[in-house]
Amino acid sequence: MQENKQEKSQIKQNISLYLSKKGVSDYEYYKASGTTRGILGQNNGISEENISRFLAYAPDINHEWLLTGKGSMLKTKGTPSSPPAEKQSLSISKDTQNMAVQQEKMARKSAKGIPLIPLDAIAGFPAADSDGVYLENCDHYTIPEFEAKGANFLIRVSGDSMVPLYNNGDIIACRKISDILFFQWGSIYVLDTSQGALVKRVEECEKDDKCILCVSENSRFKPFQLPKSDIRSLSTIIGLVRLV
């Protein structure tokens, strides 16, 4: 166990060295690869999941160098995608020996279906820089009817401010609007904001054209103004999954 931990610690050091040579900051790498933020600055090792993300991020890396520190950092003509176990002189655990091949296959394997964002839309899709949430890391579900309508993601409703239209626990299928040019007043949107994802009916704010009015279906919840500048993304709802 201690030996395996040391191996993964060495792998993390090699990742940091690779990024330094490429002129890529840790933050840029975390954002581009979906790697757990701050992991490269910690004293412990690195998980196989994060090693998998690195392999997908750096297809030019020499796997033998990554695992053992031997050879050149980058692949050269004739470099095998993964070092044969019988040629490795270091005592590397069996899991680590096979890890490069397995993780490379996982990186090439594209997820099918619609991703379910693991965050609740507050009825009472995070932005690209939201902590630790990337579409490729989400569970995916195949729902042909929603895919035909262009659904980009699924998200679960939390709270009862949109009852009876949407109940707590409902899963809604959403299609992201690439450019927010205008709002269809009276329509319901999923809004990604600094306070999280909101499901609200959007009305015009007559007193301030820099804001929109967010209205709930449940009359117990009062409408509130939301600055347009706080809307990081906007999506329409094209389907609903409800468990009864």
C-alpha atoms as a PDB file:
ATOM      1  CA  MET A   1       0.000   0.000   0.000  1.00  0.00           C
ATOM      2  CA  GLN A   2       2.826   2.406   0.943  1.00  0.00           C
ATOM      3  CA  GLU A   3       4.650   1.526  -2.270  1.00  0.00           C
ATOM      4  CA  ASN A   4       1.561   2.236  -4.384  1.00  0.00           C
ATOM      5  CA  LYS A   5       1.095   5.575  -2.620  1.00  0.00           C
ATOM      6  CA  GLN A   6       4.702   6.544  -3.402  1.00  0.00           C
ATOM      7  CA  GLU A   7       4.206   5.593  -7.049  1.00  0.00           C
ATOM      8  CA  LYS A   8       1.147   7.829  -7.359  1.00  0.00           C
ATOM      9  CA  SER A   9       2.973  10.659  -5.593  1.00  0.00           C
ATOM     10  CA  GLN A  10       5.752  10.342  -8.180  1.00  0.00           C
ATOM     11  CA  ILE A  11       3.178  10.344 -10.991  1.00  0.00           C
ATOM     12  CA  LYS A  12       1.755  13.595  -9.629  1.00  0.00           C
ATOM     13  CA  GLN A  13       5.220  15.167  -9.598  1.00  0.00           C
ATOM     14  CA  ASN A  14       5.703  14.097 -13.221  1.00  0.00           C
ATOM     15  CA  ILE A  15       2.363  15.675 -14.158  1.00  0.00           C
ATOM     16  CA  SER A  16       3.457  18.959 -12.567  1.00  0.00           C
ATOM     17  CA  LEU A  17       6.759  18.793 -14.441  1.00  0.00           C
ATOM     18  CA  TYR A  18       4.952  18.180 -17.744  1.00  0.00           C
ATOM     19  CA  LEU A  19       2.658  21.179 -17.187  1.00  0.00           C
ATOM     20  CA  SER A  20       5.618  23.373 -16.254  1.00  0.00           C
ATOM     21  CA  LYS A  21       7.434  22.415 -19.459  1.00  0.00           C
ATOM     22  CA  LYS A  22       4.289  23.183 -21.455  1.00  0.00           C
ATOM     23  CA  GLY A  23       3.806  26.548 -19.725  1.00  0.00           C
ATOM     24  CA  VAL A  24       0.363  25.570 -18.423  1.00  0.00           C
ATOM     25  CA  SER A  25      -0.714  26.801 -14.992  1.00  0.00           C
ATOM     26  CA  ASP A  26      -2.372  24.449 -12.514  1.00  0.00           C
ATOM     27  CA  TYR A  27      -5.623  26.447 -12.764  1.00  0.00           C
ATOM     28  CA  GLU A  28      -5.651  26.231 -16.567  1.00  0.00           C
ATOM     29  CA  TYR A  29      -5.076  22.496 -16.327  1.00  0.00           C
ATOM     30  CA  TYR A  30      -7.828  21.923 -13.736  1.00  0.00           C
ATOM     31  CA  LYS A  31     -10.315  23.863 -15.851  1.00  0.00           C
ATOM     32  CA  ALA A  32      -9.414  22.161 -19.129  1.00  0.00           C
ATOM     33  CA  SER A  33      -9.179  18.593 -17.842  1.00  0.00           C
ATOM     34  CA  GLY A  34     -11.749  18.428 -15.034  1.00  0.00           C
ATOM     35  CA  THR A  35      -9.086  17.306 -12.562  1.00  0.00           C
ATOM     36  CA  THR A  36      -9.873  17.822  -8.878  1.00  0.00           C
ATOM     37  CA  ARG A  37      -8.792  21.359  -8.073  1.00  0.00           C
ATOM     38  CA  GLY A  38      -5.788  21.800  -5.812  1.00  0.00           C
ATOM     39  CA  ILE A  39      -4.705  18.160  -6.053  1.00  0.00           C
ATOM     40  CA  LEU A  40      -1.286  18.995  -7.536  1.00  0.00           C
ATOM     41  CA  GLY A  41      -0.473  21.201  -4.566  1.00  0.00           C
ATOM     42  CA  GLN A  42      -1.266  18.591  -1.923  1.00  0.00           C
ATOM     43  CA  ASN A  43       1.257  16.291  -0.264  1.00  0.00           C
ATOM     44  CA  ASN A  44      -0.700  13.091  -0.853  1.00  0.00           C
ATOM     45  CA  GLY A  45      -0.827  11.068  -4.060  1.00  0.00           C
ATOM     46  CA  ILE A  46      -3.265  11.239  -6.953  1.00  0.00           C
ATOM     47  CA  SER A  47      -6.322   9.101  -7.702  1.00  0.00           C
ATOM     48  CA  GLU A  48      -6.634   6.884 -10.763  1.00  0.00           C
ATOM     49  CA  GLU A  49      -9.589   9.009 -11.877  1.00  0.00           C
ATOM     50  CA  ASN A  50      -7.401  12.117 -11.985  1.00  0.00           C
ATOM     51  CA  ILE A  51      -4.620  10.188 -13.735  1.00  0.00           C
ATOM     52  CA  SER A  52      -7.204   9.189 -16.351  1.00  0.00           C
ATOM     53  CA  ARG A  53      -8.073  12.836 -16.898  1.00  0.00           C
ATOM     54  CA  PHE A  54      -4.424  13.702 -17.330  1.00  0.00           C
ATOM     55  CA  LEU A  55      -3.955  10.968 -19.939  1.00  0.00           C
ATOM     56  CA  ALA A  56      -6.923  12.338 -21.873  1.00  0.00           C
ATOM     57  CA  TYR A  57      -5.494  15.868 -21.567  1.00  0.00           C
ATOM     58  CA  ALA A  58      -1.947  14.917 -22.622  1.00  0.00           C
ATOM     59  CA  PRO A  59      -2.050  12.399 -25.498  1.00  0.00           C
ATOM     60  CA  ASP A  60       1.624  13.170 -26.253  1.00  0.00           C
ATOM     61  CA  ILE A  61       2.872  11.944 -22.883  1.00  0.00           C
ATOM     62  CA  ASN A  62       5.177   8.921 -22.764  1.00  0.00           C
ATOM     63  CA  HIS A  63       3.387   6.555 -20.394  1.00  0.00           C
ATOM     64  CA  GLU A  64       6.594   4.853 -19.270  1.00  0.00           C
ATOM     65  CA  TRP A  65       8.044   8.213 -18.250  1.00  0.00           C
ATOM     66  CA  LEU A  66       4.826   9.141 -16.433  1.00  0.00           C
ATOM     67  CA  LEU A  67       4.796   5.897 -14.433  1.00  0.00           C
ATOM     68  CA  THR A  68       8.513   5.399 -13.824  1.00  0.00           C
ATOM     69  CA  GLY A  69      10.334   8.614 -14.751  1.00  0.00           C
ATOM     70  CA  LYS A  70      12.400   6.657 -17.275  1.00  0.00           C
ATOM     71  CA  GLY A  71      12.878   7.609 -20.904  1.00  0.00           C
ATOM     72  CA  SER A  72      11.742  10.791 -22.620  1.00  0.00           C
ATOM     73  CA  MET A  73       8.806  12.814 -21.352  1.00  0.00           C
ATOM     74  CA  LEU A  74       7.026  12.905 -24.702  1.00  0.00           C
ATOM     75  CA  LYS A  75       6.200  10.141 -27.118  1.00  0.00           C
ATOM     76  CA  THR A  76       8.553   9.704 -30.015  1.00  0.00           C
ATOM     77  CA  LYS A  77       8.149   7.692 -33.182  1.00  0.00           C
ATOM     78  CA  GLY A  78       7.911   4.064 -32.164  1.00  0.00           C
ATOM     79  CA  THR A  79       7.111   4.778 -28.520  1.00  0.00           C
ATOM     80  CA  PRO A  80       4.521   2.239 -27.301  1.00  0.00           C
ATOM     81  CA  SER A  81       1.334   3.671 -25.848  1.00  0.00           C
ATOM     82  CA  SER A  82       2.045   1.775 -22.630  1.00  0.00           C
ATOM     83  CA  PRO A  83       5.282   0.135 -21.440  1.00  0.00           C
ATOM     84  CA  PRO A  84       5.211  -3.679 -21.438  1.00  0.00           C
ATOM     85  CA  ALA A  85       5.167  -4.887 -17.846  1.00  0.00           C
ATOM     86  CA  GLU A  86       8.034  -7.370 -18.368  1.00  0.00           C
ATOM     87  CA  LYS A  87      10.374  -4.524 -19.403  1.00  0.00           C
ATOM     88  CA  GLN A  88       9.764  -2.375 -16.361  1.00  0.00           C
ATOM     89  CA  SER A  89      12.726  -2.568 -13.972  1.00  0.00           C
ATOM     90  CA  LEU A  90      10.994  -0.860 -11.047  1.00  0.00           C
ATOM     91  CA  SER A  91       8.688  -2.712  -8.684  1.00  0.00           C
ATOM     92  CA  ILE A  92       5.362  -1.239  -9.759  1.00  0.00           C
ATOM     93  CA  SER A  93       2.076  -2.624  -8.505  1.00  0.00           C
ATOM     94  CA  LYS A  94      -0.054  -4.634 -10.931  1.00  0.00           C
ATOM     95  CA  ASP A  95      -2.794  -2.002 -10.812  1.00  0.00           C
ATOM     96  CA  THR A  96      -0.339   0.724 -11.769  1.00  0.00           C
ATOM     97  CA  GLN A  97       1.198  -1.388 -14.545  1.00  0.00           C
ATOM     98  CA  ASN A  98      -2.150  -1.782 -16.284  1.00  0.00           C
ATOM     99  CA  MET A  99      -3.460   1.667 -15.441  1.00  0.00           C
ATOM    100  CA  ALA A 100      -2.105   3.526 -18.485  1.00  0.00           C
ATOM    101  CA  VAL A 101      -3.719   1.166 -20.990  1.00  0.00           C
ATOM    102  CA  GLN A 102      -7.024   1.039 -19.130  1.00  0.00           C
ATOM    103  CA  GLN A 103      -7.279   4.781 -18.583  1.00  0.00           C
ATOM    104  CA  GLU A 104      -6.359   5.569 -22.189  1.00  0.00           C
ATOM    105  CA  LYS A 105      -9.235   3.349 -23.339  1.00  0.00           C
ATOM    106  CA  MET A 106     -11.555   5.127 -20.921  1.00  0.00           C
ATOM    107  CA  ALA A 107     -10.445   8.506 -22.222  1.00  0.00           C
ATOM    108  CA  ARG A 108     -11.235   7.501 -25.783  1.00  0.00           C
ATOM    109  CA  LYS A 109     -14.615   6.076 -24.846  1.00  0.00           C
ATOM    110  CA  SER A 110     -17.173   8.820 -25.435  1.00  0.00           C
ATOM    111  CA  ALA A 111     -20.243   8.974 -23.229  1.00  0.00           C
ATOM    112  CA  LYS A 112     -23.566   8.617 -25.024  1.00  0.00           C
ATOM    113  CA  GLY A 113     -26.880  10.103 -24.040  1.00  0.00           C
ATOM    114  CA  ILE A 114     -27.832  13.246 -22.143  1.00  0.00           C
ATOM    115  CA  PRO A 115     -25.784  14.212 -19.060  1.00  0.00           C
ATOM    116  CA  LEU A 116     -27.585  14.558 -15.726  1.00  0.00           C
ATOM    117  CA  ILE A 117     -26.057  17.554 -13.947  1.00  0.00           C
ATOM    118  CA  PRO A 118     -25.469  16.549 -10.287  1.00  0.00           C
ATOM    119  CA  LEU A 119     -26.790  19.848  -8.933  1.00  0.00           C
ATOM    120  CA  ASP A 120     -30.342  20.786  -8.020  1.00  0.00           C
ATOM    121  CA  ALA A 121     -32.080  23.579  -9.897  1.00  0.00           C
ATOM    122  CA  ILE A 122     -33.597  25.718  -7.190  1.00  0.00           C
ATOM    123  CA  ALA A 123     -37.285  26.143  -7.907  1.00  0.00           C
ATOM    124  CA  GLY A 124     -37.371  27.902  -4.656  1.00  0.00           C
ATOM    125  CA  PHE A 125     -25.827  23.321 -15.242  1.00  0.00           C
ATOM    126  CA  PRO A 126     -23.405  25.052 -13.744  1.00  0.00           C
ATOM    127  CA  ALA A 127     -21.115  27.435 -15.564  1.00  0.00           C
ATOM    128  CA  ALA A 128     -17.892  26.105 -17.012  1.00  0.00           C
ATOM    129  CA  ASP A 129     -15.940  27.276 -13.978  1.00  0.00           C
ATOM    130  CA  SER A 130     -18.240  25.757 -11.366  1.00  0.00           C
ATOM    131  CA  ASP A 131     -16.273  23.601  -8.939  1.00  0.00           C
ATOM    132  CA  GLY A 132     -15.733  20.086 -10.149  1.00  0.00           C
ATOM    133  CA  VAL A 133     -18.656  19.764 -12.557  1.00  0.00           C
ATOM    134  CA  TYR A 134     -17.936  18.775 -16.139  1.00  0.00           C
ATOM    135  CA  LEU A 135     -20.396  17.194 -18.567  1.00  0.00           C
ATOM    136  CA  GLU A 136     -18.078  14.313 -19.432  1.00  0.00           C
ATOM    137  CA  ASN A 137     -18.004  13.321 -15.749  1.00  0.00           C
ATOM    138  CA  CYS A 138     -21.786  13.160 -15.353  1.00  0.00           C
ATOM    139  CA  ASP A 139     -24.052  10.141 -15.661  1.00  0.00           C
ATOM    140  CA  HIS A 140     -25.619  10.000 -19.131  1.00  0.00           C
ATOM    141  CA  TYR A 141     -29.095   8.776 -20.041  1.00  0.00           C
ATOM    142  CA  THR A 142     -30.483   7.843 -23.438  1.00  0.00           C
ATOM    143  CA  ILE A 143     -33.928   9.386 -23.968  1.00  0.00           C
ATOM    144  CA  PRO A 144     -34.573   9.491 -27.743  1.00  0.00           C
ATOM    145  CA  GLU A 145     -37.515  11.916 -27.485  1.00  0.00           C
ATOM    146  CA  PHE A 146     -35.408  14.482 -25.633  1.00  0.00           C
ATOM    147  CA  GLU A 147     -32.364  13.954 -27.845  1.00  0.00           C
ATOM    148  CA  ALA A 148     -34.536  14.579 -30.910  1.00  0.00           C
ATOM    149  CA  LYS A 149     -35.525  17.948 -29.434  1.00  0.00           C
ATOM    150  CA  GLY A 150     -31.889  18.906 -28.911  1.00  0.00           C
ATOM    151  CA  ALA A 151     -31.615  18.480 -25.131  1.00  0.00           C
ATOM    152  CA  ASN A 152     -28.136  19.351 -23.853  1.00  0.00           C
ATOM    153  CA  PHE A 153     -28.521  18.267 -20.236  1.00  0.00           C
ATOM    154  CA  LEU A 154     -30.864  17.026 -17.522  1.00  0.00           C
ATOM    155  CA  ILE A 155     -31.200  18.624 -14.091  1.00  0.00           C
ATOM    156  CA  ARG A 156     -33.234  17.806 -11.008  1.00  0.00           C
ATOM    157  CA  VAL A 157     -35.698  20.313  -9.527  1.00  0.00           C
ATOM    158  CA  SER A 158     -35.379  21.171  -5.848  1.00  0.00           C
ATOM    159  CA  GLY A 159     -38.057  22.924  -3.800  1.00  0.00           C
ATOM    160  CA  ASP A 160     -41.724  23.665  -4.438  1.00  0.00           C
ATOM    161  CA  SER A 161     -41.781  27.234  -5.712  1.00  0.00           C
ATOM    162  CA  MET A 162     -42.715  25.995  -9.213  1.00  0.00           C
ATOM    163  CA  VAL A 163     -45.518  23.677  -8.037  1.00  0.00           C
ATOM    164  CA  PRO A 164     -47.795  22.544  -9.641  1.00  0.00           C
ATOM    165  CA  LEU A 165     -45.847  22.872 -12.878  1.00  0.00           C
ATOM    166  CA  TYR A 166     -42.627  21.276 -11.573  1.00  0.00           C
ATOM    167  CA  ASN A 167     -42.431  19.267  -8.359  1.00  0.00           C
ATOM    168  CA  ASN A 168     -39.517  18.677  -6.045  1.00  0.00           C
ATOM    169  CA  GLY A 169     -37.476  15.787  -7.503  1.00  0.00           C
ATOM    170  CA  ASP A 170     -38.676  16.208 -11.097  1.00  0.00           C
ATOM    171  CA  ILE A 171     -35.985  15.855 -13.748  1.00  0.00           C
ATOM    172  CA  ILE A 172     -36.191  18.414 -16.543  1.00  0.00           C
ATOM    173  CA  ALA A 173     -34.529  18.212 -19.952  1.00  0.00           C
ATOM    174  CA  CYS A 174     -32.968  21.483 -21.060  1.00  0.00           C
ATOM    175  CA  ARG A 175     -31.648  22.982 -24.274  1.00  0.00           C
ATOM    176  CA  LYS A 176     -29.018  25.644 -23.790  1.00  0.00           C
ATOM    177  CA  ILE A 177     -29.357  28.982 -25.594  1.00  0.00           C
ATOM    178  CA  SER A 178     -25.967  29.823 -27.080  1.00  0.00           C
ATOM    179  CA  ASP A 179     -26.497  33.582 -27.307  1.00  0.00           C
ATOM    180  CA  ILE A 180     -28.836  35.471 -24.997  1.00  0.00           C
ATOM    181  CA  LEU A 181     -30.244  38.062 -27.400  1.00  0.00           C
ATOM    182  CA  PHE A 182     -33.705  38.445 -25.919  1.00  0.00           C
ATOM    183  CA  PHE A 183     -36.217  36.893 -23.529  1.00  0.00           C
ATOM    184  CA  GLN A 184     -39.646  35.566 -24.376  1.00  0.00           C
ATOM    185  CA  TRP A 185     -41.533  37.222 -21.568  1.00  0.00           C
ATOM    186  CA  GLY A 186     -43.734  34.799 -19.694  1.00  0.00           C
ATOM    187  CA  SER A 187     -41.624  31.763 -20.625  1.00  0.00           C
ATOM    188  CA  ILE A 188     -39.927  29.469 -18.120  1.00  0.00           C
ATOM    189  CA  TYR A 189     -36.146  29.190 -18.200  1.00  0.00           C
ATOM    190  CA  VAL A 190     -33.327  27.500 -16.328  1.00  0.00           C
ATOM    191  CA  LEU A 191     -30.985  30.324 -15.336  1.00  0.00           C
ATOM    192  CA  ASP A 192     -27.409  29.699 -14.260  1.00  0.00           C
ATOM    193  CA  THR A 193     -26.507  32.434 -11.758  1.00  0.00           C
ATOM    194  CA  SER A 194     -23.940  33.143  -9.070  1.00  0.00           C
ATOM    195  CA  GLN A 195     -26.481  31.800  -6.566  1.00  0.00           C
ATOM    196  CA  GLY A 196     -26.916  28.527  -8.445  1.00  0.00           C
ATOM    197  CA  ALA A 197     -29.367  27.200 -11.031  1.00  0.00           C
ATOM    198  CA  LEU A 198     -32.878  28.662 -10.938  1.00  0.00           C
ATOM    199  CA  VAL A 199     -36.092  27.516 -12.621  1.00  0.00           C
ATOM    200  CA  LYS A 200     -38.347  30.553 -13.015  1.00  0.00           C
ATOM    201  CA  ARG A 201     -40.893  32.200 -15.236  1.00  0.00           C
ATOM    202  CA  VAL A 202     -39.269  35.325 -16.654  1.00  0.00           C
ATOM    203  CA  GLU A 203     -41.142  38.621 -16.941  1.00  0.00           C
ATOM    204  CA  GLU A 204     -40.050  42.096 -17.963  1.00  0.00           C
ATOM    205  CA  CYS A 205     -38.815  44.331 -15.183  1.00  0.00           C
ATOM    206  CA  GLU A 206     -40.533  47.633 -15.957  1.00  0.00           C
ATOM    207  CA  LYS A 207     -38.521  49.758 -13.536  1.00  0.00           C
ATOM    208  CA  ASP A 208     -35.049  48.569 -14.610  1.00  0.00           C
ATOM    209  CA  ASP A 209     -34.167  47.254 -18.065  1.00  0.00           C
ATOM    210  CA  LYS A 210     -30.921  45.816 -16.693  1.00  0.00           C
ATOM    211  CA  CYS A 211     -32.884  43.285 -14.647  1.00  0.00           C
ATOM    212  CA  ILE A 212     -35.476  40.600 -15.246  1.00  0.00           C
ATOM    213  CA  LEU A 213     -38.323  39.621 -12.945  1.00  0.00           C
ATOM    214  CA  CYS A 214     -38.215  35.993 -11.758  1.00  0.00           C
ATOM    215  CA  VAL A 215     -41.694  34.663 -10.985  1.00  0.00           C
ATOM    216  CA  SER A 216     -42.656  31.428  -9.209  1.00  0.00           C
ATOM    217  CA  GLU A 217     -45.736  29.341  -9.992  1.00  0.00           C
ATOM    218  CA  ASN A 218     -46.418  28.878  -6.289  1.00  0.00           C
ATOM    219  CA  SER A 219     -48.053  32.078  -5.004  1.00  0.00           C
ATOM    220  CA  ARG A 220     -46.344  31.659  -1.610  1.00  0.00           C
ATOM    221  CA  PHE A 221     -43.091  32.790  -3.223  1.00  0.00           C
ATOM    222  CA  LYS A 222     -42.736  36.451  -4.120  1.00  0.00           C
ATOM    223  CA  PRO A 223     -41.212  37.569  -7.447  1.00  0.00           C
ATOM    224  CA  PHE A 224     -37.706  39.000  -7.312  1.00  0.00           C
ATOM    225  CA  GLN A 225     -35.425  40.960  -9.598  1.00  0.00           C
ATOM    226  CA  LEU A 226     -32.313  39.368 -11.084  1.00  0.00           C
ATOM    227  CA  PRO A 227     -29.596  41.452 -12.805  1.00  0.00           C
ATOM    228  CA  LYS A 228     -29.062  40.348 -16.394  1.00  0.00           C
ATOM    229  CA  SER A 229     -25.319  40.564 -15.762  1.00  0.00           C
ATOM    230  CA  ASP A 230     -25.632  37.723 -13.222  1.00  0.00           C
ATOM    231  CA  ILE A 231     -27.021  35.301 -15.827  1.00  0.00           C
ATOM    232  CA  ARG A 232     -24.114  33.110 -16.903  1.00  0.00           C
ATOM    233  CA  SER A 233     -26.174  30.838 -19.135  1.00  0.00           C
ATOM    234  CA  LEU A 234     -29.799  30.408 -20.146  1.00  0.00           C
ATOM    235  CA  SER A 235     -31.696  27.254 -21.133  1.00  0.00           C
ATOM    236  CA  THR A 236     -35.199  26.381 -22.214  1.00  0.00           C
ATOM    237  CA  ILE A 237     -37.102  23.374 -20.843  1.00  0.00           C
ATOM    238  CA  ILE A 238     -38.125  20.815 -23.458  1.00  0.00           C
ATOM    239  CA  GLY A 239     -39.146  17.787 -21.398  1.00  0.00           C
ATOM    240  CA  LEU A 240     -39.980  16.390 -17.965  1.00  0.00           C
ATOM    241  CA  VAL A 241     -39.401  13.097 -16.148  1.00  0.00           C
ATOM    242  CA  ARG A 242     -41.555  12.588 -13.064  1.00  0.00           C
ATOM    243  CA  LEU A 243     -41.546   9.592 -10.736  1.00  0.00           C
ATOM    244  CA  VAL A 244     -44.942   8.743  -9.265  1.00  0.00           C
END
